Amino acid sequence: MEEFYQQMKTLLQESRAEIVKTFVANNESFKQLIESVDPKDFGDIASEDTDRKMLENMSEKDSKRLQMIDSALARLEQGKYGKCLKCGKKIPEARLTAIPYAAMCIECQSEIERRKR
């Protein structure tokens, strides 16, 4: 179980770094800031002062995904990762493997999506 969570943490950090890297590659003002940073620190960049500015300039989809990844990483640190935020049940590993930042079990997520329609 601990090994699975470590794999998810690595996957989440890599996904986060990829979003930041893609954003930076497409945004000149951030490109200059990032070029002075060691490549292995990419995962930490958005958590610094640039976070707010970057989220403002990022596409809504990437911004939302980055926030969900940050939330999942926080839950990992707090020992709450893998538990549904709504009902508290364990989220199946298959769901977390497919969507590492999933915050709810399929049942609760489906219920919320049904209400939005």
C-alpha atoms as a PDB file:
ATOM      1  CA  MET A   1       0.000   0.000   0.000  1.00  0.00           C
ATOM      2  CA  GLU A   2       2.771   2.431   0.943  1.00  0.00           C
ATOM      3  CA  GLU A   3       4.575   1.594  -2.304  1.00  0.00           C
ATOM      4  CA  PHE A   4       1.396   2.380  -4.293  1.00  0.00           C
ATOM      5  CA  TYR A   5       1.078   5.788  -2.602  1.00  0.00           C
ATOM      6  CA  GLN A   6       4.729   6.529  -3.346  1.00  0.00           C
ATOM      7  CA  GLN A   7       4.118   5.670  -7.018  1.00  0.00           C
ATOM      8  CA  MET A   8       1.087   7.982  -7.059  1.00  0.00           C
ATOM      9  CA  LYS A   9       3.107  10.775  -5.434  1.00  0.00           C
ATOM     10  CA  THR A  10       5.801  10.442  -8.096  1.00  0.00           C
ATOM     11  CA  LEU A  11       3.178  10.365 -10.860  1.00  0.00           C
ATOM     12  CA  LEU A  12       1.437  13.456  -9.453  1.00  0.00           C
ATOM     13  CA  GLN A  13       4.725  15.347  -9.144  1.00  0.00           C
ATOM     14  CA  GLU A  14       5.663  14.418 -12.725  1.00  0.00           C
ATOM     15  CA  SER A  15       2.226  15.515 -14.004  1.00  0.00           C
ATOM     16  CA  ARG A  16       2.557  18.788 -12.117  1.00  0.00           C
ATOM     17  CA  ALA A  17       6.036  19.404 -13.514  1.00  0.00           C
ATOM     18  CA  GLU A  18       4.802  18.659 -17.051  1.00  0.00           C
ATOM     19  CA  ILE A  19       1.948  21.192 -16.768  1.00  0.00           C
ATOM     20  CA  VAL A  20       4.373  23.824 -15.479  1.00  0.00           C
ATOM     21  CA  LYS A  21       6.919  22.996 -18.180  1.00  0.00           C
ATOM     22  CA  THR A  22       4.310  23.224 -20.960  1.00  0.00           C
ATOM     23  CA  PHE A  23       2.998  26.506 -19.600  1.00  0.00           C
ATOM     24  CA  VAL A  24       6.478  27.974 -19.360  1.00  0.00           C
ATOM     25  CA  ALA A  25       7.329  26.849 -22.906  1.00  0.00           C
ATOM     26  CA  ASN A  26       4.269  28.715 -24.176  1.00  0.00           C
ATOM     27  CA  ASN A  27       4.694  31.851 -22.088  1.00  0.00           C
ATOM     28  CA  GLU A  28       7.687  34.148 -22.692  1.00  0.00           C
ATOM     29  CA  SER A  29       7.614  36.099 -19.412  1.00  0.00           C
ATOM     30  CA  PHE A  30       7.759  32.909 -17.358  1.00  0.00           C
ATOM     31  CA  LYS A  31      10.309  31.355 -19.703  1.00  0.00           C
ATOM     32  CA  GLN A  32      12.956  33.893 -18.630  1.00  0.00           C
ATOM     33  CA  LEU A  33      12.240  33.300 -14.939  1.00  0.00           C
ATOM     34  CA  ILE A  34      12.414  29.529 -15.308  1.00  0.00           C
ATOM     35  CA  GLU A  35      15.616  29.447 -17.358  1.00  0.00           C
ATOM     36  CA  SER A  36      17.532  30.447 -14.236  1.00  0.00           C
ATOM     37  CA  VAL A  37      16.079  27.509 -12.260  1.00  0.00           C
ATOM     38  CA  ASP A  38      17.655  24.056 -12.052  1.00  0.00           C
ATOM     39  CA  PRO A  39      15.560  21.618 -14.185  1.00  0.00           C
ATOM     40  CA  LYS A  40      15.130  19.185 -11.290  1.00  0.00           C
ATOM     41  CA  ASP A  41      13.333  21.953  -9.354  1.00  0.00           C
ATOM     42  CA  PHE A  42      10.504  22.289 -11.922  1.00  0.00           C
ATOM     43  CA  GLY A  43       8.040  20.591  -9.560  1.00  0.00           C
ATOM     44  CA  ASP A  44       8.635  23.277  -6.940  1.00  0.00           C
ATOM     45  CA  ILE A  45       8.401  26.296  -9.226  1.00  0.00           C
ATOM     46  CA  ALA A  46       4.613  26.703  -9.208  1.00  0.00           C
ATOM     47  CA  SER A  47       4.448  26.375  -5.433  1.00  0.00           C
ATOM     48  CA  GLU A  48       6.517  29.532  -5.015  1.00  0.00           C
ATOM     49  CA  ASP A  49       5.506  33.171  -5.612  1.00  0.00           C
ATOM     50  CA  THR A  50       4.789  32.523  -9.305  1.00  0.00           C
ATOM     51  CA  ASP A  51       1.862  30.258  -8.464  1.00  0.00           C
ATOM     52  CA  ARG A  52      -0.868  32.898  -8.433  1.00  0.00           C
ATOM     53  CA  LYS A  53       0.410  34.676 -11.555  1.00  0.00           C
ATOM     54  CA  MET A  54       0.808  31.417 -13.406  1.00  0.00           C
ATOM     55  CA  LEU A  55      -2.706  30.237 -12.552  1.00  0.00           C
ATOM     56  CA  GLU A  56      -4.126  33.547 -13.801  1.00  0.00           C
ATOM     57  CA  ASN A  57      -2.425  33.100 -17.174  1.00  0.00           C
ATOM     58  CA  MET A  58      -2.901  29.365 -17.556  1.00  0.00           C
ATOM     59  CA  SER A  59      -5.750  27.798 -19.467  1.00  0.00           C
ATOM     60  CA  GLU A  60      -8.744  26.984 -17.274  1.00  0.00           C
ATOM     61  CA  LYS A  61      -8.298  23.258 -17.901  1.00  0.00           C
ATOM     62  CA  ASP A  62      -4.607  23.231 -16.913  1.00  0.00           C
ATOM     63  CA  SER A  63      -5.223  25.532 -13.971  1.00  0.00           C
ATOM     64  CA  LYS A  64      -7.961  23.274 -12.620  1.00  0.00           C
ATOM     65  CA  ARG A  65      -5.834  20.151 -13.151  1.00  0.00           C
ATOM     66  CA  LEU A  66      -2.868  21.764 -11.379  1.00  0.00           C
ATOM     67  CA  GLN A  67      -5.058  22.658  -8.405  1.00  0.00           C
ATOM     68  CA  MET A  68      -6.419  19.090  -8.267  1.00  0.00           C
ATOM     69  CA  ILE A  69      -2.871  17.697  -8.351  1.00  0.00           C
ATOM     70  CA  ASP A  70      -1.799  20.076  -5.560  1.00  0.00           C
ATOM     71  CA  SER A  71      -4.814  18.994  -3.526  1.00  0.00           C
ATOM     72  CA  ALA A  72      -3.953  15.308  -4.051  1.00  0.00           C
ATOM     73  CA  LEU A  73      -0.336  15.922  -3.015  1.00  0.00           C
ATOM     74  CA  ALA A  74      -1.577  17.694   0.125  1.00  0.00           C
ATOM     75  CA  ARG A  75      -3.856  14.743   0.936  1.00  0.00           C
ATOM     76  CA  LEU A  76      -0.870  12.403   0.511  1.00  0.00           C
ATOM     77  CA  GLU A  77       1.122  14.472   3.003  1.00  0.00           C
ATOM     78  CA  GLN A  78      -1.809  14.486   5.456  1.00  0.00           C
ATOM     79  CA  GLY A  79      -2.433  10.739   5.133  1.00  0.00           C
ATOM     80  CA  LYS A  80      -5.879  11.347   3.614  1.00  0.00           C
ATOM     81  CA  TYR A  81      -5.069  10.309   0.040  1.00  0.00           C
ATOM     82  CA  GLY A  82      -7.215   7.534  -1.402  1.00  0.00           C
ATOM     83  CA  LYS A  83     -10.273   8.328   0.723  1.00  0.00           C
ATOM     84  CA  CYS A  84     -13.381   9.877  -0.800  1.00  0.00           C
ATOM     85  CA  LEU A  85     -13.807  13.476   0.356  1.00  0.00           C
ATOM     86  CA  LYS A  86     -17.585  13.062   0.372  1.00  0.00           C
ATOM     87  CA  CYS A  87     -18.321   9.655   1.926  1.00  0.00           C
ATOM     88  CA  GLY A  88     -14.926   8.733   3.371  1.00  0.00           C
ATOM     89  CA  LYS A  89     -14.775   5.327   1.685  1.00  0.00           C
ATOM     90  CA  LYS A  90     -11.561   4.033   0.161  1.00  0.00           C
ATOM     91  CA  ILE A  91     -11.138   4.993  -3.504  1.00  0.00           C
ATOM     92  CA  PRO A  92     -10.188   1.862  -5.487  1.00  0.00           C
ATOM     93  CA  GLU A  93      -6.551   1.703  -6.664  1.00  0.00           C
ATOM     94  CA  ALA A  94      -7.761   1.214 -10.255  1.00  0.00           C
ATOM     95  CA  ARG A  95      -9.505   4.614 -10.124  1.00  0.00           C
ATOM     96  CA  LEU A  96      -6.461   6.296  -8.586  1.00  0.00           C
ATOM     97  CA  THR A  97      -4.217   4.719 -11.213  1.00  0.00           C
ATOM     98  CA  ALA A  98      -6.474   6.115 -13.958  1.00  0.00           C
ATOM     99  CA  ILE A  99      -6.964   9.505 -12.250  1.00  0.00           C
ATOM    100  CA  PRO A 100      -4.239   9.982  -9.603  1.00  0.00           C
ATOM    101  CA  TYR A 101      -5.836  13.224  -8.371  1.00  0.00           C
ATOM    102  CA  ALA A 102      -9.324  11.708  -7.933  1.00  0.00           C
ATOM    103  CA  ALA A 103     -10.842  13.127  -4.752  1.00  0.00           C
ATOM    104  CA  MET A 104     -14.039  11.067  -4.705  1.00  0.00           C
ATOM    105  CA  CYS A 105     -15.153   7.522  -5.283  1.00  0.00           C
ATOM    106  CA  ILE A 106     -16.988   6.800  -8.523  1.00  0.00           C
ATOM    107  CA  GLU A 107     -20.410   6.784  -6.832  1.00  0.00           C
ATOM    108  CA  CYS A 108     -20.019  10.223  -5.235  1.00  0.00           C
ATOM    109  CA  GLN A 109     -18.439  11.718  -8.377  1.00  0.00           C
ATOM    110  CA  SER A 110     -21.274  10.316 -10.534  1.00  0.00           C
ATOM    111  CA  GLU A 111     -23.866  11.768  -8.160  1.00  0.00           C
ATOM    112  CA  ILE A 112     -22.302  15.243  -8.407  1.00  0.00           C
ATOM    113  CA  GLU A 113     -22.126  15.027 -12.208  1.00  0.00           C
ATOM    114  CA  ARG A 114     -25.791  13.961 -12.389  1.00  0.00           C
ATOM    115  CA  ARG A 115     -26.806  17.018 -10.342  1.00  0.00           C
ATOM    116  CA  LYS A 116     -24.909  19.345 -12.686  1.00  0.00           C
ATOM    117  CA  ARG A 117     -26.951  18.230 -15.709  1.00  0.00           C
END
